[in-house]
Amino acid sequence: MNNLKMKKHLLCLSASIGLTMLGSTAMGANWLQLQGTEPQGAEQLAKVWGFVQVQYQDDSSTANPGGLFVPPKLIGPNLDSQSAFNVNRARIGVRGVAMPLDQKINYFLLLEMGNNGITAPENSVAKATDASVTFNHLDGMRFRLGLFKTPGFEEGLQAIHVFDYINFTWVANQMMLERFPNANYTGNSAPQLSPPESALNGFNRSVGAFRDVGVQVFDWFKVGDGWEVSYAAMVGNGNGLNFSDNDDNKDTYFYLSAEKPYGGKGGRRQGLKFFAWTQNGVRTADLTNDDTFNTVEYDRDRSGFGAKYLRNGIRVSAEYLTGKGMIFQGPHNSSFGIGPGQGNPASPAGSGAFAEATGYYVEGGYRFPGTKWEIDLRYDQYNRLEDDRFEIEYSRTTLGVQYFFNPRVRFALNYEMRDADAINFPAIGAGPTAGPNNNVGGIDNRIALQVTAIWSQ
């Protein structure tokens, strides 16, 4: 990444973190604690809980000059329309303490039955997203085993039912929400009509859902003047929601945070939190367009840092993320940009297998005192295939409104002003070399409405 871009990203992030230091400090739910353990002294053998999210989205993007659409202009996960109702999440879970056998052993199970990137690619009616056991016997070293969220960036680590927006940021959806290449090379899907004549999603496996199967050691400690330091280190298969491993490689995950809580509890605890994380692994894939099964190992590295604040109805957060290797370029591109005649181990232009990317977001919200209304504002940017001829810069400003019927049921309205630009190519209609902008240049605004209903035993 060139120095100008780095300075621009760091300036935006530094400014946003600086805002969190104004006034009283606050924010940071401890997701390691909330998702991995039960409250101290809990004696509930099984607590059944779940939530449903029902939404409607409408996209105003325009087709390319040939009247065809690419995935960002259609509503996922089906990608067959520019407006759609959807039950995007429907999850039911059970968690508790292994009473009366051992109160220091906790468990967590969760099943997804909505229509999204977890269930749609494999045509699953339901799919397990979490299945873990935590052992709390050693001071300073709790052990969690099984399938669960990996320690990492805030947007993915936090509980989705308290997420303040409807859609993920560009960097979360494209760089962090992992798609796994098909076992054999699969050609790219061309832009399609709406509704499409053929599938625009070429992947035959579910997204990684920010999860992995492995073992994690973690804990949190009170230090200094009311501060809480948390850490996590994990080794996993690097194979997403699949219980088995597809190769002999293992992913490593490291996470560290320092936060000062100021009241409240659960996912909306008030406090100030600073955090940093890194994830490193290898992916085995056949990305060569020929008649042989030719698997090659590719590095996949991700890292980031950020801060988050919440107190007295005011919320501000920001995060900066970087990625190298296995950069996803769209559901229509299950071979990460390697096209006909471009084989391994070369590094062809436009190949996501070797590419780099960066992204960041700055967001905030305000809950009006004495009311059930909240307003939200977020800006996010993602630079995909950075410093490559086919680099694309995605940006979006999201205006949001939430109405809380009660602590468990809320309505959200988001208006997204989106833009994308292949910065090394001419604009739309400037000739055959304008290809990328002919497709991404028409990405436009989107409106989304969603109701979230949480229930528990």
Protein backbone atom coordinates (compact mmCIF):
# COMPACT_ATOMS: atom_id res chain seq x y z
CA MET A 1 0.00 0.00 0.00
CA ASN A 2 1.41 3.41 -0.92
CA ASN A 3 2.26 6.01 1.74
CA LEU A 4 -0.53 8.40 0.73
CA LYS A 5 -3.21 5.75 1.23
CA MET A 6 -1.69 4.65 4.52
CA LYS A 7 -1.64 8.21 5.82
CA LYS A 8 -5.25 8.72 4.74
CA HIS A 9 -6.46 5.55 6.47
CA LEU A 10 -4.52 6.20 9.67
CA LEU A 11 -5.67 9.82 9.79
CA CYS A 12 -9.32 8.77 9.60
CA LEU A 13 -8.85 6.09 12.23
CA SER A 14 -6.83 8.35 14.56
CA ALA A 15 -9.44 11.08 14.33
CA SER A 16 -12.24 8.68 15.18
CA ILE A 17 -10.36 7.18 18.13
CA GLY A 18 -9.64 10.69 19.32
CA LEU A 19 -13.37 11.39 19.40
CA THR A 20 -13.86 8.49 21.77
CA MET A 21 -11.56 10.16 24.28
CA LEU A 22 -13.69 13.31 24.53
CA GLY A 23 -15.97 13.53 27.52
CA SER A 24 -16.58 10.54 29.79
CA THR A 25 -15.09 7.23 28.76
CA ALA A 26 -17.09 4.12 28.06
CA MET A 27 -17.87 1.00 25.94
CA GLY A 28 -16.98 -2.51 25.38
CA ALA A 29 -18.86 -5.73 25.84
CA ASN A 30 -16.47 -8.57 26.66
CA TRP A 31 -17.45 -11.00 23.92
CA LEU A 32 -14.94 -13.63 25.05
CA GLN A 33 -16.70 -13.76 28.40
CA LEU A 34 -20.27 -13.46 27.13
CA GLN A 35 -20.03 -16.11 24.44
CA GLY A 36 -17.58 -18.51 26.06
CA THR A 37 -18.69 -18.71 29.69
CA GLU A 38 -21.73 -18.62 31.93
CA PRO A 39 -22.04 -16.06 34.76
CA GLN A 40 -20.22 -16.99 37.94
CA GLY A 41 -22.53 -18.88 40.27
CA ALA A 42 -24.96 -19.79 37.50
CA GLU A 43 -26.75 -23.05 38.12
CA GLN A 44 -28.92 -23.31 35.05
CA LEU A 45 -28.45 -26.62 33.28
CA ALA A 46 -30.04 -25.48 30.02
CA LYS A 47 -31.13 -22.03 28.92
CA VAL A 48 -32.98 -22.09 25.60
CA TRP A 49 -32.80 -18.87 23.61
CA GLY A 50 -32.85 -17.55 20.05
CA PHE A 51 -33.74 -14.71 17.75
CA VAL A 52 -35.29 -13.96 14.37
CA GLN A 53 -34.41 -11.20 11.91
CA VAL A 54 -36.84 -10.42 9.09
CA GLN A 55 -35.87 -7.82 6.51
CA TYR A 56 -36.68 -6.07 3.27
CA GLN A 57 -34.03 -4.55 0.99
CA ASP A 58 -34.28 -2.54 -2.21
CA ASP A 59 -31.27 -1.73 -4.42
CA SER A 60 -31.27 1.13 -6.93
CA SER A 61 -28.07 0.14 -8.76
CA THR A 62 -28.10 0.25 -12.55
CA ALA A 63 -27.14 -2.49 -15.00
CA ASN A 64 -23.98 -2.38 -17.11
CA PRO A 65 -24.21 -1.03 -20.70
CA GLY A 66 -25.35 -4.49 -21.81
CA GLY A 67 -28.26 -4.56 -19.34
CA LEU A 68 -26.55 -7.10 -17.05
CA PHE A 69 -25.96 -7.12 -13.29
CA VAL A 70 -23.09 -8.14 -10.98
CA PRO A 71 -23.69 -9.43 -7.41
CA PRO A 72 -23.29 -6.11 -5.47
CA LYS A 73 -26.31 -4.79 -7.38
CA LEU A 74 -28.60 -7.66 -6.32
CA ILE A 75 -29.98 -8.78 -2.96
CA GLY A 76 -28.22 -11.72 -1.35
CA PRO A 77 -27.99 -14.51 -0.68
CA ASN A 78 -30.07 -15.56 -3.71
CA LEU A 79 -28.90 -12.73 -6.00
CA ASP A 80 -31.99 -12.94 -8.22
CA SER A 81 -33.67 -9.59 -7.54
CA GLN A 82 -33.07 -5.97 -6.63
CA SER A 83 -35.82 -6.02 -4.01
CA ALA A 84 -36.71 -8.84 -1.65
CA PHE A 85 -38.20 -9.82 1.68
CA ASN A 86 -36.14 -12.38 3.59
CA VAL A 87 -35.92 -14.20 6.90
CA ASN A 88 -32.20 -13.65 6.94
CA ARG A 89 -31.57 -15.14 10.37
CA ALA A 90 -33.54 -17.59 12.51
CA ARG A 91 -31.41 -19.07 15.25
CA ILE A 92 -32.17 -21.24 18.24
CA GLY A 93 -29.65 -22.23 20.87
CA VAL A 94 -29.12 -23.73 24.26
CA ARG A 95 -26.36 -22.95 26.75
CA GLY A 96 -25.69 -23.65 30.37
CA VAL A 97 -23.60 -25.23 33.11
CA ALA A 98 -22.80 -28.94 33.36
CA MET A 99 -24.74 -29.26 36.59
CA PRO A 100 -24.68 -31.23 38.80
CA LEU A 101 -21.47 -32.78 37.46
CA ASP A 102 -19.18 -29.77 37.36
CA GLN A 103 -20.19 -26.11 37.65
CA LYS A 104 -16.91 -25.03 36.06
CA ILE A 105 -17.83 -26.60 32.72
CA ASN A 106 -20.02 -24.54 30.36
CA TYR A 107 -21.47 -25.38 26.96
CA PHE A 108 -22.91 -23.41 24.03
CA LEU A 109 -24.96 -24.72 21.07
CA LEU A 110 -26.55 -22.66 18.27
CA LEU A 111 -28.42 -23.62 15.08
CA GLU A 112 -29.07 -21.37 12.05
CA MET A 113 -32.28 -21.83 10.03
CA GLY A 114 -32.45 -18.51 8.15
CA ASN A 115 -31.73 -17.83 4.49
CA ASN A 116 -28.18 -16.47 4.29
CA GLY A 117 -24.60 -17.27 3.33
CA ILE A 118 -24.50 -20.05 5.92
CA THR A 119 -27.43 -22.09 4.63
CA ALA A 120 -27.99 -21.03 1.00
CA PRO A 121 -24.80 -22.27 -0.76
CA GLU A 122 -25.30 -25.84 0.50
CA ASN A 123 -29.13 -25.73 0.32
CA SER A 124 -29.23 -26.45 4.05
CA VAL A 125 -32.45 -26.26 6.02
CA ALA A 126 -30.38 -25.77 9.18
CA LYS A 127 -26.70 -25.65 10.03
CA ALA A 128 -24.81 -25.60 13.33
CA THR A 129 -22.90 -22.36 13.86
CA ASP A 130 -21.71 -23.00 17.43
CA ALA A 131 -20.99 -26.15 19.40
CA SER A 132 -18.44 -25.66 22.17
CA VAL A 133 -17.46 -26.61 25.70
CA THR A 134 -15.53 -24.30 28.07
CA PHE A 135 -13.42 -25.45 31.02
CA ASN A 136 -12.94 -22.82 33.74
CA HIS A 137 -10.72 -24.78 36.13
CA LEU A 138 -7.40 -22.92 35.82
CA ASP A 139 -6.89 -19.35 37.01
CA GLY A 140 -5.90 -17.17 34.08
CA MET A 141 -6.40 -19.91 31.48
CA ARG A 142 -9.90 -20.89 30.47
CA PHE A 143 -10.11 -23.44 27.64
CA ARG A 144 -12.82 -23.48 24.99
CA LEU A 145 -13.07 -26.36 22.51
CA GLY A 146 -15.29 -26.94 19.49
CA LEU A 147 -16.94 -24.67 16.93
CA PHE A 148 -17.26 -21.00 17.88
CA LYS A 149 -16.47 -17.42 16.84
CA THR A 150 -12.80 -16.77 16.36
CA PRO A 151 -11.18 -13.95 18.35
CA GLY A 152 -10.80 -11.05 15.96
CA PHE A 153 -12.39 -7.91 14.62
CA GLU A 154 -15.24 -6.31 16.56
CA GLU A 155 -17.87 -6.44 13.84
CA GLY A 156 -17.53 -10.20 13.51
CA LEU A 157 -16.89 -11.06 17.16
CA GLN A 158 -19.89 -9.22 18.57
CA ALA A 159 -23.31 -10.84 18.82
CA ILE A 160 -25.21 -10.21 15.59
CA HIS A 161 -28.53 -9.58 17.34
CA VAL A 162 -27.11 -6.41 18.95
CA PHE A 163 -25.35 -5.23 15.76
CA ASP A 164 -26.51 -1.66 15.13
CA TYR A 165 -26.68 -1.92 11.33
CA ILE A 166 -28.39 -4.28 8.91
CA ASN A 167 -25.55 -4.99 6.48
CA PHE A 168 -21.89 -5.61 7.23
CA THR A 169 -19.26 -3.11 6.15
CA TRP A 170 -17.53 -3.71 2.80
CA VAL A 171 -14.37 -4.96 4.51
CA ALA A 172 -16.29 -7.33 6.78
CA ASN A 173 -18.35 -8.82 3.97
CA GLN A 174 -15.55 -9.17 1.43
CA MET A 175 -12.29 -9.60 3.38
CA MET A 176 -13.35 -11.15 6.69
CA LEU A 177 -16.48 -13.18 5.87
CA GLU A 178 -14.49 -15.99 4.32
CA ARG A 179 -15.57 -17.90 1.23
CA PHE A 180 -13.78 -21.17 0.59
CA PRO A 181 -12.80 -22.08 -2.98
CA ASN A 182 -14.43 -25.13 -4.50
CA ALA A 183 -12.46 -28.37 -4.45
CA ASN A 184 -11.82 -28.09 -8.20
CA TYR A 185 -11.29 -25.00 -10.30
CA THR A 186 -14.61 -23.39 -11.20
CA GLY A 187 -14.92 -20.78 -13.93
CA ASN A 188 -16.31 -17.34 -13.21
CA SER A 189 -19.98 -16.52 -13.74
CA ALA A 190 -20.57 -13.67 -16.17
CA PRO A 191 -22.85 -10.69 -15.33
CA GLN A 192 -26.47 -11.70 -15.60
CA LEU A 193 -29.93 -10.35 -16.25
CA SER A 194 -32.23 -9.76 -13.30
CA PRO A 195 -33.59 -12.30 -12.62
CA PRO A 196 -30.45 -14.17 -13.73
CA GLU A 197 -30.49 -16.98 -16.26
CA SER A 198 -27.83 -18.88 -14.31
CA ALA A 199 -26.53 -18.88 -10.76
CA LEU A 200 -24.38 -15.91 -9.78
CA ASN A 201 -22.98 -17.71 -6.73
CA GLY A 202 -20.29 -20.13 -7.84
CA PHE A 203 -19.30 -21.29 -4.34
CA ASN A 204 -20.67 -24.63 -3.17
CA ARG A 205 -19.79 -24.21 0.53
CA SER A 206 -21.17 -21.96 3.22
CA VAL A 207 -19.35 -18.84 4.35
CA GLY A 208 -16.98 -19.13 7.30
CA ALA A 209 -19.30 -16.97 9.45
CA PHE A 210 -16.27 -15.71 11.43
CA ARG A 211 -16.01 -19.16 13.04
CA ASP A 212 -13.67 -22.13 13.19
CA VAL A 213 -13.26 -25.47 14.95
CA GLY A 214 -10.36 -25.61 17.38
CA VAL A 215 -9.17 -24.86 20.90
CA GLN A 216 -8.88 -21.45 22.52
CA VAL A 217 -7.21 -20.35 25.74
CA PHE A 218 -8.53 -17.06 27.10
CA ASP A 219 -9.35 -15.03 30.20
CA TRP A 220 -9.78 -11.51 31.51
CA PHE A 221 -8.25 -9.66 34.47
CA LYS A 222 -8.93 -6.55 36.50
CA VAL A 223 -5.93 -4.20 36.39
CA GLY A 224 -5.16 -0.61 37.36
CA ASP A 225 -7.95 1.84 38.02
CA GLY A 226 -10.99 -0.19 36.99
CA TRP A 227 -9.57 -1.51 33.70
CA GLU A 228 -10.18 -5.01 32.37
CA VAL A 229 -7.63 -6.73 30.13
CA SER A 230 -8.71 -9.70 28.00
CA TYR A 231 -6.68 -12.06 25.86
CA ALA A 232 -7.33 -15.03 23.59
CA ALA A 233 -5.11 -17.39 21.65
CA MET A 234 -6.62 -20.04 19.40
CA VAL A 235 -5.55 -22.81 17.05
CA GLY A 236 -8.15 -23.97 14.53
CA ASN A 237 -8.67 -26.00 11.38
CA GLY A 238 -9.10 -22.94 9.17
CA ASN A 239 -12.11 -24.63 7.59
CA GLY A 240 -15.02 -22.49 8.75
CA LEU A 241 -18.21 -24.20 9.93
CA ASN A 242 -17.06 -27.63 8.82
CA PHE A 243 -16.34 -29.93 11.76
CA SER A 244 -13.52 -31.68 9.90
CA ASP A 245 -10.29 -30.30 8.41
CA ASN A 246 -9.59 -30.32 4.67
CA ASP A 247 -5.78 -30.29 4.94
CA ASP A 248 -2.96 -30.54 7.48
CA ASN A 249 -2.64 -26.77 7.95
CA LYS A 250 -3.85 -24.95 11.06
CA ASP A 251 -4.84 -21.33 11.60
CA THR A 252 -3.66 -19.26 14.57
CA TYR A 253 -5.61 -16.42 16.16
CA PHE A 254 -4.47 -13.85 18.72
CA TYR A 255 -6.53 -11.15 20.42
CA LEU A 256 -5.87 -8.53 23.11
CA SER A 257 -8.15 -5.84 24.51
CA ALA A 258 -8.17 -3.31 27.34
CA GLU A 259 -11.46 -1.83 28.44
CA LYS A 260 -12.85 0.28 31.23
CA PRO A 261 -16.47 -0.66 31.98
CA TYR A 262 -18.81 1.98 33.37
CA GLY A 263 -22.05 0.17 33.97
CA GLY A 264 -24.66 -1.99 32.34
CA LYS A 265 -24.20 -5.58 31.37
CA GLY A 266 -24.32 -8.03 28.48
CA GLY A 267 -23.90 -6.97 24.87
CA ARG A 268 -24.63 -3.32 25.61
CA ARG A 269 -22.37 -2.85 28.59
CA GLN A 270 -21.00 0.69 28.74
CA GLY A 271 -17.28 1.33 28.65
CA LEU A 272 -14.23 2.21 26.58
CA LYS A 273 -12.40 -0.56 24.74
CA PHE A 274 -9.18 -0.71 22.74
CA PHE A 275 -8.35 -3.92 20.91
CA ALA A 276 -5.94 -5.52 18.43
CA TRP A 277 -5.92 -8.90 16.74
CA THR A 278 -4.26 -11.05 14.11
CA GLN A 279 -5.19 -14.24 12.20
CA ASN A 280 -2.79 -16.32 10.11
CA GLY A 281 -3.34 -19.46 8.09
CA VAL A 282 -2.95 -21.34 4.82
CA ARG A 283 -5.60 -22.37 2.31
CA THR A 284 -5.27 -25.30 -0.08
CA ALA A 285 -6.99 -24.73 -3.41
CA ASP A 286 -7.05 -25.79 -7.04
CA LEU A 287 -7.05 -22.45 -8.84
CA THR A 288 -5.54 -23.60 -12.14
CA ASN A 289 -7.82 -23.70 -15.16
CA ASP A 290 -6.88 -27.04 -16.66
CA ASP A 291 -8.03 -30.66 -16.59
CA THR A 292 -5.87 -31.71 -13.64
CA PHE A 293 -6.51 -31.52 -9.92
CA ASN A 294 -3.65 -29.22 -8.93
CA THR A 295 -3.86 -28.03 -5.32
CA VAL A 296 -1.50 -25.33 -4.13
CA GLU A 297 -1.13 -23.71 -0.70
CA TYR A 298 -1.80 -19.98 -0.36
CA ASP A 299 -1.19 -17.81 2.70
CA ARG A 300 -4.18 -16.06 4.27
CA ASP A 301 -3.36 -13.34 6.82
CA ARG A 302 -5.64 -10.81 8.49
CA SER A 303 -5.03 -8.23 11.25
CA GLY A 304 -6.51 -5.06 12.69
CA PHE A 305 -6.95 -2.70 15.61
CA GLY A 306 -9.61 -0.32 16.84
CA ALA A 307 -11.57 1.29 19.66
CA LYS A 308 -15.17 1.39 20.79
CA TYR A 309 -17.08 3.68 23.16
CA LEU A 310 -20.57 3.71 24.67
CA ARG A 311 -21.98 5.75 27.52
CA ASN A 312 -25.18 7.65 28.25
CA GLY A 313 -26.62 6.88 24.85
CA ILE A 314 -23.53 8.00 22.89
CA ARG A 315 -21.62 5.44 20.82
CA VAL A 316 -18.48 5.91 18.71
CA SER A 317 -16.25 3.19 17.24
CA ALA A 318 -13.62 2.73 14.56
CA GLU A 319 -11.42 -0.06 13.24
CA TYR A 320 -8.70 -0.51 10.63
CA LEU A 321 -8.15 -3.91 8.96
CA THR A 322 -5.59 -5.37 6.58
CA GLY A 323 -5.53 -8.62 4.62
CA LYS A 324 -3.06 -10.51 2.47
CA GLY A 325 -3.83 -13.55 0.36
CA MET A 326 -7.10 -15.27 -0.57
CA ILE A 327 -8.95 -12.00 -1.16
CA PHE A 328 -12.54 -12.74 -2.15
CA GLN A 329 -13.73 -10.92 -5.29
CA GLY A 330 -17.39 -11.85 -5.44
CA PRO A 331 -19.75 -14.84 -5.21
CA HIS A 332 -19.52 -15.16 -9.00
CA ASN A 333 -15.75 -15.72 -8.74
CA SER A 334 -15.05 -18.92 -6.82
CA SER A 335 -11.46 -19.08 -8.06
CA PHE A 336 -10.45 -15.70 -6.63
CA GLY A 337 -9.72 -13.97 -9.90
CA ILE A 338 -7.46 -16.47 -11.63
CA GLY A 339 -8.81 -16.75 -15.15
CA PRO A 340 -8.22 -18.95 -18.20
CA GLY A 341 -4.55 -19.51 -18.92
CA GLN A 342 -3.40 -18.07 -15.61
CA GLY A 343 -1.89 -20.91 -13.63
CA ASN A 344 0.12 -21.48 -10.47
CA PRO A 345 2.44 -20.48 -8.94
CA ALA A 346 2.56 -17.21 -10.88
CA SER A 347 0.99 -14.06 -9.49
CA PRO A 348 -1.24 -12.79 -12.31
CA ALA A 349 -2.81 -9.35 -12.20
CA GLY A 350 -6.24 -9.45 -10.63
CA SER A 351 -5.63 -12.64 -8.67
CA GLY A 352 -7.18 -12.57 -5.22
CA ALA A 353 -5.08 -15.55 -4.18
CA PHE A 354 -2.00 -13.33 -3.96
CA ALA A 355 -3.61 -9.93 -3.39
CA GLU A 356 -3.68 -7.46 -0.53
CA ALA A 357 -6.52 -5.35 0.79
CA THR A 358 -7.26 -2.76 3.46
CA GLY A 359 -10.42 -1.37 4.95
CA TYR A 360 -11.77 0.70 7.80
CA TYR A 361 -14.98 2.03 9.29
CA VAL A 362 -15.92 4.93 11.53
CA GLU A 363 -19.38 4.90 13.07
CA GLY A 364 -21.47 6.38 15.84
CA GLY A 365 -24.93 6.45 17.34
CA TYR A 366 -27.08 8.43 19.73
CA ARG A 367 -30.02 7.16 21.79
CA PHE A 368 -32.37 10.05 22.57
CA PRO A 369 -32.90 10.28 26.34
CA GLY A 370 -36.29 9.22 27.58
CA THR A 371 -37.31 7.78 24.19
CA LYS A 372 -37.06 4.52 22.27
CA TRP A 373 -35.33 6.12 19.28
CA GLU A 374 -31.72 5.94 18.16
CA ILE A 375 -29.93 7.42 15.15
CA ASP A 376 -26.78 5.88 13.63
CA LEU A 377 -24.17 7.00 11.13
CA ARG A 378 -21.38 4.92 9.59
CA TYR A 379 -18.75 5.43 6.92
CA ASP A 380 -16.79 2.46 5.64
CA GLN A 381 -14.22 1.98 2.88
CA TYR A 382 -12.53 -1.07 1.39
CA ASN A 383 -9.66 -1.17 -1.10
CA ARG A 384 -9.60 -4.57 -2.77
CA LEU A 385 -6.54 -5.85 -4.68
CA GLU A 386 -4.59 -2.89 -3.41
CA ASP A 387 -1.82 -1.58 -5.69
CA ASP A 388 -2.95 -4.01 -8.38
CA ARG A 389 -4.11 -2.97 -11.84
CA PHE A 390 -7.58 -4.30 -10.97
CA GLU A 391 -7.83 -2.51 -7.61
CA ILE A 392 -11.36 -1.42 -6.72
CA GLU A 393 -12.21 1.12 -4.03
CA TYR A 394 -15.57 0.60 -2.32
CA SER A 395 -17.09 3.28 -0.09
CA ARG A 396 -20.41 3.69 1.67
CA THR A 397 -22.17 6.06 4.05
CA THR A 398 -25.02 4.53 6.04
CA LEU A 399 -27.75 6.56 7.74
CA GLY A 400 -29.67 4.54 10.29
CA VAL A 401 -32.67 4.81 12.60
CA GLN A 402 -33.62 2.27 15.28
CA TYR A 403 -36.79 2.03 17.34
CA PHE A 404 -36.70 -0.21 20.42
CA PHE A 405 -40.16 -1.57 21.21
CA ASN A 406 -38.57 -3.16 24.27
CA PRO A 407 -35.07 -4.48 25.12
CA ARG A 408 -35.65 -7.56 22.95
CA VAL A 409 -37.55 -6.27 19.93
CA ARG A 410 -36.41 -3.45 17.65
CA PHE A 411 -36.93 -2.05 14.18
CA ALA A 412 -34.06 -0.69 12.07
CA LEU A 413 -34.04 1.39 8.89
CA ASN A 414 -30.79 1.92 6.95
CA TYR A 415 -30.19 4.07 3.90
CA GLU A 416 -26.86 3.22 2.27
CA MET A 417 -25.13 5.58 -0.17
CA ARG A 418 -22.70 3.28 -1.98
CA ASP A 419 -19.99 3.77 -4.54
CA ALA A 420 -17.29 1.68 -6.23
CA ASP A 421 -14.48 2.63 -8.59
CA ALA A 422 -11.86 0.64 -10.48
CA ILE A 423 -9.33 3.42 -10.05
CA ASN A 424 -6.89 2.25 -12.74
CA PHE A 425 -9.49 2.06 -15.53
CA PRO A 426 -11.53 4.62 -17.47
CA ALA A 427 -15.06 5.46 -16.46
CA ILE A 428 -18.22 3.75 -17.70
CA GLY A 429 -18.63 3.78 -21.45
CA ALA A 430 -15.03 4.81 -22.22
CA GLY A 431 -14.33 1.83 -24.44
CA PRO A 432 -13.51 -1.87 -24.04
CA THR A 433 -10.76 -1.20 -21.46
CA ALA A 434 -13.40 0.25 -19.10
CA GLY A 435 -14.61 -3.28 -18.27
CA PRO A 436 -14.45 -3.17 -14.45
CA ASN A 437 -16.16 0.22 -14.19
CA ASN A 438 -18.82 -0.82 -16.68
CA ASN A 439 -19.84 -3.37 -14.04
CA VAL A 440 -19.10 -1.76 -10.66
CA GLY A 441 -19.64 1.85 -11.68
CA GLY A 442 -23.42 1.48 -11.49
CA ILE A 443 -23.40 0.38 -7.83
CA ASP A 444 -25.80 2.78 -6.16
CA ASN A 445 -27.87 3.36 -3.05
CA ARG A 446 -29.75 0.72 -1.07
CA ILE A 447 -32.50 0.87 1.52
CA ALA A 448 -32.90 -1.85 4.15
CA LEU A 449 -35.52 -2.45 6.85
CA GLN A 450 -35.25 -5.10 9.54
CA VAL A 451 -37.07 -6.33 12.64
CA THR A 452 -35.06 -8.20 15.28
CA ALA A 453 -36.90 -10.24 17.90
CA ILE A 454 -34.93 -11.99 20.68
CA TRP A 455 -36.43 -14.52 23.01
CA SER A 456 -35.13 -16.62 25.89
CA GLN A 457 -36.38 -19.09 28.43
